[in-house]
Amino acid sequence: TCADVVVSLASGTYTVAQAEDVTMTCATEGVTIYYTLNGTTPSATNGSTYSAPIDIVASAGFKAIAIKSGLANSKITAREYIITA
């Protein structure tokens, strides 16, 4: 099983956009991390592929998953971001 995705920004309410502040890592080497910002379940066919720090510029239901061929997918990591700016 892939290790869970670690997200650098905790769930919470922020008064400014979090530009390029969200990074993701996984202890399992060679995984692909997929994420969504609309609360849907990420997968290889749903969401975006993580490759660089991302912006949270509006309130978002964030979810991420690590996938690697030959291993079971990680658990879904979820965060809730409220941007009040």
PDB file of N, CA and C in Angstrom:
ATOM      1  N   THR A   1       0.843  -1.191   0.000  1.00  0.00           N
ATOM      2  CA  THR A   1       0.000   0.000   0.000  1.00  0.00           C
ATOM      3  C   THR A   1       0.882   1.247   0.000  1.00  0.00           C
ATOM      4  N   CYS A   2       0.516   2.228  -0.792  1.00  0.00           N
ATOM      5  CA  CYS A   2       1.236   3.499  -0.808  1.00  0.00           C
ATOM      6  C   CYS A   2       1.039   4.214   0.529  1.00  0.00           C
ATOM      7  N   ALA A   3       2.064   4.902   0.964  1.00  0.00           N
ATOM      8  CA  ALA A   3       1.946   5.741   2.155  1.00  0.00           C
ATOM      9  C   ALA A   3       0.973   6.881   1.863  1.00  0.00           C
ATOM     10  N   ASP A   4       0.388   7.432   2.914  1.00  0.00           N
ATOM     11  CA  ASP A   4      -0.543   8.549   2.749  1.00  0.00           C
ATOM     12  C   ASP A   4       0.182   9.801   2.274  1.00  0.00           C
ATOM     13  N   VAL A   5      -0.534  10.643   1.558  1.00  0.00           N
ATOM     14  CA  VAL A   5      -0.008  11.923   1.102  1.00  0.00           C
ATOM     15  C   VAL A   5       0.061  12.873   2.291  1.00  0.00           C
ATOM     16  N   VAL A   6       1.185  13.560   2.437  1.00  0.00           N
ATOM     17  CA  VAL A   6       1.357  14.567   3.480  1.00  0.00           C
ATOM     18  C   VAL A   6       1.218  15.936   2.815  1.00  0.00           C
ATOM     19  N   VAL A   7       0.292  16.741   3.339  1.00  0.00           N
ATOM     20  CA  VAL A   7       0.002  18.063   2.785  1.00  0.00           C
ATOM     21  C   VAL A   7       0.543  19.119   3.745  1.00  0.00           C
ATOM     22  N   SER A   8       1.226  20.110   3.192  1.00  0.00           N
ATOM     23  CA  SER A   8       1.923  21.095   4.038  1.00  0.00           C
ATOM     24  C   SER A   8       1.005  22.097   4.721  1.00  0.00           C
ATOM     25  N   LEU A   9      -0.181  22.330   4.192  1.00  0.00           N
ATOM     26  CA  LEU A   9      -1.070  23.359   4.746  1.00  0.00           C
ATOM     27  C   LEU A   9      -2.226  22.707   5.487  1.00  0.00           C
ATOM     28  N   ALA A  10      -2.376  23.051   6.745  1.00  0.00           N
ATOM     29  CA  ALA A  10      -3.454  22.490   7.570  1.00  0.00           C
ATOM     30  C   ALA A  10      -4.798  23.054   7.135  1.00  0.00           C
ATOM     31  N   SER A  11      -5.844  22.290   7.390  1.00  0.00           N
ATOM     32  CA  SER A  11      -7.194  22.798   7.179  1.00  0.00           C
ATOM     33  C   SER A  11      -7.364  24.060   8.012  1.00  0.00           C
ATOM     34  N   GLY A  12      -8.170  24.988   7.517  1.00  0.00           N
ATOM     35  CA  GLY A  12      -8.416  26.173   8.314  1.00  0.00           C
ATOM     36  C   GLY A  12      -8.985  27.313   7.510  1.00  0.00           C
ATOM     37  N   THR A  13      -9.160  28.442   8.194  1.00  0.00           N
ATOM     38  CA  THR A  13      -9.645  29.668   7.591  1.00  0.00           C
ATOM     39  C   THR A  13      -8.472  30.617   7.440  1.00  0.00           C
ATOM     40  N   TYR A  14      -8.314  31.144   6.234  1.00  0.00           N
ATOM     41  CA  TYR A  14      -7.197  32.022   5.916  1.00  0.00           C
ATOM     42  C   TYR A  14      -7.742  33.331   5.364  1.00  0.00           C
ATOM     43  N   THR A  15      -7.105  34.445   5.726  1.00  0.00           N
ATOM     44  CA  THR A  15      -7.575  35.760   5.293  1.00  0.00           C
ATOM     45  C   THR A  15      -6.978  36.185   3.963  1.00  0.00           C
ATOM     46  N   VAL A  16      -5.995  35.450   3.465  1.00  0.00           N
ATOM     47  CA  VAL A  16      -5.400  35.729   2.155  1.00  0.00           C
ATOM     48  C   VAL A  16      -5.236  34.414   1.396  1.00  0.00           C
ATOM     49  N   ALA A  17      -5.180  34.533   0.075  1.00  0.00           N
ATOM     50  CA  ALA A  17      -4.940  33.353  -0.756  1.00  0.00           C
ATOM     51  C   ALA A  17      -3.599  32.731  -0.375  1.00  0.00           C
ATOM     52  N   GLN A  18      -3.522  31.427  -0.494  1.00  0.00           N
ATOM     53  CA  GLN A  18      -2.289  30.705  -0.162  1.00  0.00           C
ATOM     54  C   GLN A  18      -1.565  30.373  -1.473  1.00  0.00           C
ATOM     55  N   ALA A  19      -0.932  31.406  -2.040  1.00  0.00           N
ATOM     56  CA  ALA A  19      -0.291  31.281  -3.346  1.00  0.00           C
ATOM     57  C   ALA A  19       0.985  30.452  -3.243  1.00  0.00           C
ATOM     58  N   GLU A  20       1.029  29.365  -4.011  1.00  0.00           N
ATOM     59  CA  GLU A  20       2.176  28.460  -4.079  1.00  0.00           C
ATOM     60  C   GLU A  20       2.622  27.987  -2.699  1.00  0.00           C
ATOM     61  N   ASP A  21       1.668  27.871  -1.780  1.00  0.00           N
ATOM     62  CA  ASP A  21       2.011  27.478  -0.414  1.00  0.00           C
ATOM     63  C   ASP A  21       1.733  26.016  -0.110  1.00  0.00           C
ATOM     64  N   VAL A  22       1.016  25.321  -0.978  1.00  0.00           N
ATOM     65  CA  VAL A  22       0.631  23.958  -0.654  1.00  0.00           C
ATOM     66  C   VAL A  22       1.546  22.969  -1.383  1.00  0.00           C
ATOM     67  N   THR A  23       2.289  22.209  -0.598  1.00  0.00           N
ATOM     68  CA  THR A  23       3.130  21.162  -1.165  1.00  0.00           C
ATOM     69  C   THR A  23       2.647  19.818  -0.654  1.00  0.00           C
ATOM     70  N   MET A  24       2.957  18.779  -1.425  1.00  0.00           N
ATOM     71  CA  MET A  24       2.562  17.428  -1.055  1.00  0.00           C
ATOM     72  C   MET A  24       3.742  16.491  -1.220  1.00  0.00           C
ATOM     73  N   THR A  25       3.847  15.540  -0.301  1.00  0.00           N
ATOM     74  CA  THR A  25       4.879  14.524  -0.382  1.00  0.00           C
ATOM     75  C   THR A  25       4.274  13.169  -0.033  1.00  0.00           C
ATOM     76  N   CYS A  26       5.018  12.116  -0.389  1.00  0.00           N
ATOM     77  CA  CYS A  26       4.616  10.761  -0.047  1.00  0.00           C
ATOM     78  C   CYS A  26       5.892   9.979   0.244  1.00  0.00           C
ATOM     79  N   ALA A  27       5.868   9.202   1.311  1.00  0.00           N
ATOM     80  CA  ALA A  27       7.047   8.430   1.704  1.00  0.00           C
ATOM     81  C   ALA A  27       7.331   7.266   0.750  1.00  0.00           C
ATOM     82  N   THR A  28       6.345   6.863  -0.036  1.00  0.00           N
ATOM     83  CA  THR A  28       6.543   5.795  -1.010  1.00  0.00           C
ATOM     84  C   THR A  28       7.143   6.401  -2.273  1.00  0.00           C
ATOM     85  N   GLU A  29       8.294   5.919  -2.693  1.00  0.00           N
ATOM     86  CA  GLU A  29       8.941   6.469  -3.885  1.00  0.00           C
ATOM     87  C   GLU A  29       8.225   6.037  -5.153  1.00  0.00           C
ATOM     88  N   GLY A  30       8.258   6.921  -6.146  1.00  0.00           N
ATOM     89  CA  GLY A  30       7.732   6.588  -7.454  1.00  0.00           C
ATOM     90  C   GLY A  30       6.234   6.693  -7.618  1.00  0.00           C
ATOM     91  N   VAL A  31       5.554   7.292  -6.643  1.00  0.00           N
ATOM     92  CA  VAL A  31       4.100   7.437  -6.758  1.00  0.00           C
ATOM     93  C   VAL A  31       3.746   8.641  -7.624  1.00  0.00           C
ATOM     94  N   THR A  32       2.523   8.660  -8.089  1.00  0.00           N
ATOM     95  CA  THR A  32       1.939   9.847  -8.691  1.00  0.00           C
ATOM     96  C   THR A  32       0.857  10.318  -7.730  1.00  0.00           C
ATOM     97  N   ILE A  33       0.892  11.609  -7.414  1.00  0.00           N
ATOM     98  CA  ILE A  33      -0.105  12.187  -6.517  1.00  0.00           C
ATOM     99  C   ILE A  33      -1.137  12.928  -7.362  1.00  0.00           C
ATOM    100  N   TYR A  34      -2.399  12.592  -7.122  1.00  0.00           N
ATOM    101  CA  TYR A  34      -3.514  13.266  -7.777  1.00  0.00           C
ATOM    102  C   TYR A  34      -4.295  14.022  -6.719  1.00  0.00           C
ATOM    103  N   TYR A  35      -4.843  15.198  -7.107  1.00  0.00           N
ATOM    104  CA  TYR A  35      -5.613  15.976  -6.140  1.00  0.00           C
ATOM    105  C   TYR A  35      -6.801  16.650  -6.813  1.00  0.00           C
ATOM    106  N   THR A  36      -7.788  16.983  -5.985  1.00  0.00           N
ATOM    107  CA  THR A  36      -8.944  17.760  -6.430  1.00  0.00           C
ATOM    108  C   THR A  36      -9.159  18.912  -5.453  1.00  0.00           C
ATOM    109  N   LEU A  37      -9.814  19.946  -5.938  1.00  0.00           N
ATOM    110  CA  LEU A  37     -10.136  21.108  -5.107  1.00  0.00           C
ATOM    111  C   LEU A  37     -11.642  21.298  -4.967  1.00  0.00           C
ATOM    112  N   ASN A  38     -12.411  20.351  -5.481  1.00  0.00           N
ATOM    113  CA  ASN A  38     -13.870  20.493  -5.459  1.00  0.00           C
ATOM    114  C   ASN A  38     -14.550  19.450  -4.573  1.00  0.00           C
ATOM    115  N   GLY A  39     -13.759  18.764  -3.760  1.00  0.00           N
ATOM    116  CA  GLY A  39     -14.326  17.798  -2.830  1.00  0.00           C
ATOM    117  C   GLY A  39     -14.567  16.417  -3.410  1.00  0.00           C
ATOM    118  N   THR A  40     -14.344  16.237  -4.721  1.00  0.00           N
ATOM    119  CA  THR A  40     -14.531  14.916  -5.314  1.00  0.00           C
ATOM    120  C   THR A  40     -13.319  14.034  -5.033  1.00  0.00           C
ATOM    121  N   THR A  41     -13.486  12.742  -5.200  1.00  0.00           N
ATOM    122  CA  THR A  41     -12.417  11.787  -4.936  1.00  0.00           C
ATOM    123  C   THR A  41     -11.404  11.801  -6.078  1.00  0.00           C
ATOM    124  N   PRO A  42     -10.139  12.071  -5.777  1.00  0.00           N
ATOM    125  CA  PRO A  42      -9.124  12.089  -6.827  1.00  0.00           C
ATOM    126  C   PRO A  42      -8.763  10.675  -7.273  1.00  0.00           C
ATOM    127  N   SER A  43      -8.361  10.561  -8.531  1.00  0.00           N
ATOM    128  CA  SER A  43      -7.930   9.281  -9.093  1.00  0.00           C
ATOM    129  C   SER A  43      -7.092   9.578 -10.331  1.00  0.00           C
ATOM    130  N   ALA A  44      -6.648   8.534 -10.998  1.00  0.00           N
ATOM    131  CA  ALA A  44      -5.869   8.714 -12.226  1.00  0.00           C
ATOM    132  C   ALA A  44      -6.721   9.343 -13.336  1.00  0.00           C
ATOM    133  N   THR A  45      -8.040   9.295 -13.194  1.00  0.00           N
ATOM    134  CA  THR A  45      -8.926   9.860 -14.214  1.00  0.00           C
ATOM    135  C   THR A  45      -9.740  11.042 -13.710  1.00  0.00           C
ATOM    136  N   ASN A  46      -9.549  11.440 -12.462  1.00  0.00           N
ATOM    137  CA  ASN A  46     -10.287  12.578 -11.907  1.00  0.00           C
ATOM    138  C   ASN A  46      -9.342  13.433 -11.076  1.00  0.00           C
ATOM    139  N   GLY A  47      -9.207  14.690 -11.469  1.00  0.00           N
ATOM    140  CA  GLY A  47      -8.362  15.596 -10.718  1.00  0.00           C
ATOM    141  C   GLY A  47      -7.116  15.978 -11.493  1.00  0.00           C
ATOM    142  N   SER A  48      -6.198  16.604 -10.793  1.00  0.00           N
ATOM    143  CA  SER A  48      -4.947  17.073 -11.380  1.00  0.00           C
ATOM    144  C   SER A  48      -3.784  16.279 -10.830  1.00  0.00           C
ATOM    145  N   THR A  49      -2.723  16.188 -11.622  1.00  0.00           N
ATOM    146  CA  THR A  49      -1.495  15.537 -11.184  1.00  0.00           C
ATOM    147  C   THR A  49      -0.626  16.575 -10.488  1.00  0.00           C
ATOM    148  N   TYR A  50      -0.169  16.265  -9.283  1.00  0.00           N
ATOM    149  CA  TYR A  50       0.675  17.191  -8.539  1.00  0.00           C
ATOM    150  C   TYR A  50       2.094  17.156  -9.089  1.00  0.00           C
ATOM    151  N   SER A  51       2.636  18.341  -9.415  1.00  0.00           N
ATOM    152  CA  SER A  51       4.018  18.425  -9.892  1.00  0.00           C
ATOM    153  C   SER A  51       4.775  19.616  -9.315  1.00  0.00           C
ATOM    154  N   ALA A  52       4.066  20.558  -8.720  1.00  0.00           N
ATOM    155  CA  ALA A  52       4.685  21.759  -8.149  1.00  0.00           C
ATOM    156  C   ALA A  52       3.730  22.330  -7.111  1.00  0.00           C
ATOM    157  N   PRO A  53       4.231  23.188  -6.200  1.00  0.00           N
ATOM    158  CA  PRO A  53       3.351  23.793  -5.200  1.00  0.00           C
ATOM    159  C   PRO A  53       2.119  24.417  -5.859  1.00  0.00           C
ATOM    160  N   ILE A  54       0.979  24.280  -5.190  1.00  0.00           N
ATOM    161  CA  ILE A  54      -0.260  24.783  -5.771  1.00  0.00           C
ATOM    162  C   ILE A  54      -0.808  25.969  -4.982  1.00  0.00           C
ATOM    163  N   ASP A  55      -1.664  26.713  -5.659  1.00  0.00           N
ATOM    164  CA  ASP A  55      -2.313  27.887  -5.070  1.00  0.00           C
ATOM    165  C   ASP A  55      -3.690  27.506  -4.558  1.00  0.00           C
ATOM    166  N   ILE A  56      -4.016  27.982  -3.382  1.00  0.00           N
ATOM    167  CA  ILE A  56      -5.387  27.918  -2.878  1.00  0.00           C
ATOM    168  C   ILE A  56      -5.856  29.370  -2.836  1.00  0.00           C
ATOM    169  N   VAL A  57      -6.620  29.773  -3.844  1.00  0.00           N
ATOM    170  CA  VAL A  57      -7.026  31.170  -3.967  1.00  0.00           C
ATOM    171  C   VAL A  57      -8.492  31.387  -3.612  1.00  0.00           C
ATOM    172  N   ALA A  58      -9.219  30.284  -3.434  1.00  0.00           N
ATOM    173  CA  ALA A  58     -10.623  30.355  -3.055  1.00  0.00           C
ATOM    174  C   ALA A  58     -10.907  29.178  -2.128  1.00  0.00           C
ATOM    175  N   SER A  59     -11.982  29.261  -1.410  1.00  0.00           N
ATOM    176  CA  SER A  59     -12.351  28.169  -0.509  1.00  0.00           C
ATOM    177  C   SER A  59     -12.420  26.866  -1.304  1.00  0.00           C
ATOM    178  N   ALA A  60     -11.930  25.786  -0.682  1.00  0.00           N
ATOM    179  CA  ALA A  60     -11.826  24.527  -1.424  1.00  0.00           C
ATOM    180  C   ALA A  60     -11.947  23.322  -0.502  1.00  0.00           C
ATOM    181  N   GLY A  61     -12.584  22.300  -1.033  1.00  0.00           N
ATOM    182  CA  GLY A  61     -12.572  20.983  -0.410  1.00  0.00           C
ATOM    183  C   GLY A  61     -11.472  20.195  -1.100  1.00  0.00           C
ATOM    184  N   PHE A  62     -10.328  20.095  -0.468  1.00  0.00           N
ATOM    185  CA  PHE A  62      -9.114  19.533  -1.062  1.00  0.00           C
ATOM    186  C   PHE A  62      -8.983  18.052  -0.702  1.00  0.00           C
ATOM    187  N   LYS A  63      -8.666  17.223  -1.702  1.00  0.00           N
ATOM    188  CA  LYS A  63      -8.394  15.803  -1.460  1.00  0.00           C
ATOM    189  C   LYS A  63      -7.212  15.373  -2.313  1.00  0.00           C
ATOM    190  N   ALA A  64      -6.397  14.453  -1.780  1.00  0.00           N
ATOM    191  CA  ALA A  64      -5.239  13.946  -2.511  1.00  0.00           C
ATOM    192  C   ALA A  64      -5.074  12.453  -2.269  1.00  0.00           C
ATOM    193  N   ILE A  65      -4.480  11.771  -3.252  1.00  0.00           N
ATOM    194  CA  ILE A  65      -4.239  10.332  -3.164  1.00  0.00           C
ATOM    195  C   ILE A  65      -2.926  10.022  -3.882  1.00  0.00           C
ATOM    196  N   ALA A  66      -2.205   9.018  -3.390  1.00  0.00           N
ATOM    197  CA  ALA A  66      -0.978   8.546  -4.037  1.00  0.00           C
ATOM    198  C   ALA A  66      -1.284   7.214  -4.716  1.00  0.00           C
ATOM    199  N   ILE A  67      -0.820   7.094  -5.962  1.00  0.00           N
ATOM    200  CA  ILE A  67      -1.064   5.886  -6.754  1.00  0.00           C
ATOM    201  C   ILE A  67       0.248   5.415  -7.369  1.00  0.00           C
ATOM    202  N   LYS A  68       0.478   4.101  -7.292  1.00  0.00           N
ATOM    203  CA  LYS A  68       1.651   3.492  -7.930  1.00  0.00           C
ATOM    204  C   LYS A  68       1.261   2.106  -8.413  1.00  0.00           C
ATOM    205  N   SER A  69       1.610   1.824  -9.638  1.00  0.00           N
ATOM    206  CA  SER A  69       1.305   0.515 -10.214  1.00  0.00           C
ATOM    207  C   SER A  69       1.912  -0.586  -9.352  1.00  0.00           C
ATOM    208  N   GLY A  70       1.142  -1.623  -9.086  1.00  0.00           N
ATOM    209  CA  GLY A  70       1.611  -2.748  -8.291  1.00  0.00           C
ATOM    210  C   GLY A  70       1.358  -2.617  -6.806  1.00  0.00           C
ATOM    211  N   LEU A  71       0.922  -1.437  -6.366  1.00  0.00           N
ATOM    212  CA  LEU A  71       0.606  -1.206  -4.953  1.00  0.00           C
ATOM    213  C   LEU A  71      -0.840  -0.737  -4.823  1.00  0.00           C
ATOM    214  N   ALA A  72      -1.426  -0.978  -3.663  1.00  0.00           N
ATOM    215  CA  ALA A  72      -2.741  -0.421  -3.375  1.00  0.00           C
ATOM    216  C   ALA A  72      -2.602   1.094  -3.202  1.00  0.00           C
ATOM    217  N   ASN A  73      -3.630   1.833  -3.583  1.00  0.00           N
ATOM    218  CA  ASN A  73      -3.616   3.288  -3.430  1.00  0.00           C
ATOM    219  C   ASN A  73      -3.543   3.672  -1.956  1.00  0.00           C
ATOM    220  N   SER A  74      -3.019   4.866  -1.712  1.00  0.00           N
ATOM    221  CA  SER A  74      -3.005   5.400  -0.347  1.00  0.00           C
ATOM    222  C   SER A  74      -4.427   5.712   0.086  1.00  0.00           C
ATOM    223  N   LYS A  75      -4.592   5.976   1.369  1.00  0.00           N
ATOM    224  CA  LYS A  75      -5.855   6.535   1.848  1.00  0.00           C
ATOM    225  C   LYS A  75      -5.965   7.950   1.286  1.00  0.00           C
ATOM    226  N   ILE A  76      -7.178   8.463   1.219  1.00  0.00           N
ATOM    227  CA  ILE A  76      -7.367   9.838   0.754  1.00  0.00           C
ATOM    228  C   ILE A  76      -7.047  10.794   1.895  1.00  0.00           C
ATOM    229  N   THR A  77      -6.235  11.791   1.583  1.00  0.00           N
ATOM    230  CA  THR A  77      -5.934  12.865   2.522  1.00  0.00           C
ATOM    231  C   THR A  77      -6.875  14.020   2.187  1.00  0.00           C
ATOM    232  N   ALA A  78      -7.600  14.530   3.180  1.00  0.00           N
ATOM    233  CA  ALA A  78      -8.578  15.591   2.940  1.00  0.00           C
ATOM    234  C   ALA A  78      -8.274  16.809   3.800  1.00  0.00           C
ATOM    235  N   ARG A  79      -8.499  17.970   3.224  1.00  0.00           N
ATOM    236  CA  ARG A  79      -8.359  19.244   3.932  1.00  0.00           C
ATOM    237  C   ARG A  79      -9.513  20.138   3.504  1.00  0.00           C
ATOM    238  N   GLU A  80      -9.889  21.061   4.375  1.00  0.00           N
ATOM    239  CA  GLU A  80     -10.910  22.053   4.051  1.00  0.00           C
ATOM    240  C   GLU A  80     -10.279  23.428   4.237  1.00  0.00           C
ATOM    241  N   TYR A  81     -10.285  24.215   3.153  1.00  0.00           N
ATOM    242  CA  TYR A  81      -9.702  25.546   3.196  1.00  0.00           C
ATOM    243  C   TYR A  81     -10.801  26.577   2.980  1.00  0.00           C
ATOM    244  N   ILE A  82     -10.853  27.560   3.870  1.00  0.00           N
ATOM    245  CA  ILE A  82     -11.781  28.674   3.763  1.00  0.00           C
ATOM    246  C   ILE A  82     -10.946  29.932   3.572  1.00  0.00           C
ATOM    247  N   ILE A  83     -11.129  30.586   2.426  1.00  0.00           N
ATOM    248  CA  ILE A  83     -10.410  31.836   2.144  1.00  0.00           C
ATOM    249  C   ILE A  83     -11.404  32.968   2.284  1.00  0.00           C
ATOM    250  N   THR A  84     -11.133  33.893   3.190  1.00  0.00           N
ATOM    251  CA  THR A  84     -12.085  34.967   3.471  1.00  0.00           C
ATOM    252  C   THR A  84     -11.706  36.295   2.809  1.00  0.00           C
ATOM    253  N   ALA A  85     -10.633  36.310   2.044  1.00  0.00           N
ATOM    254  CA  ALA A  85     -10.168  37.563   1.412  1.00  0.00           C
ATOM    255  C   ALA A  85     -11.144  38.048   0.379  1.00  0.00           C
TER     256      ALA A  85
END
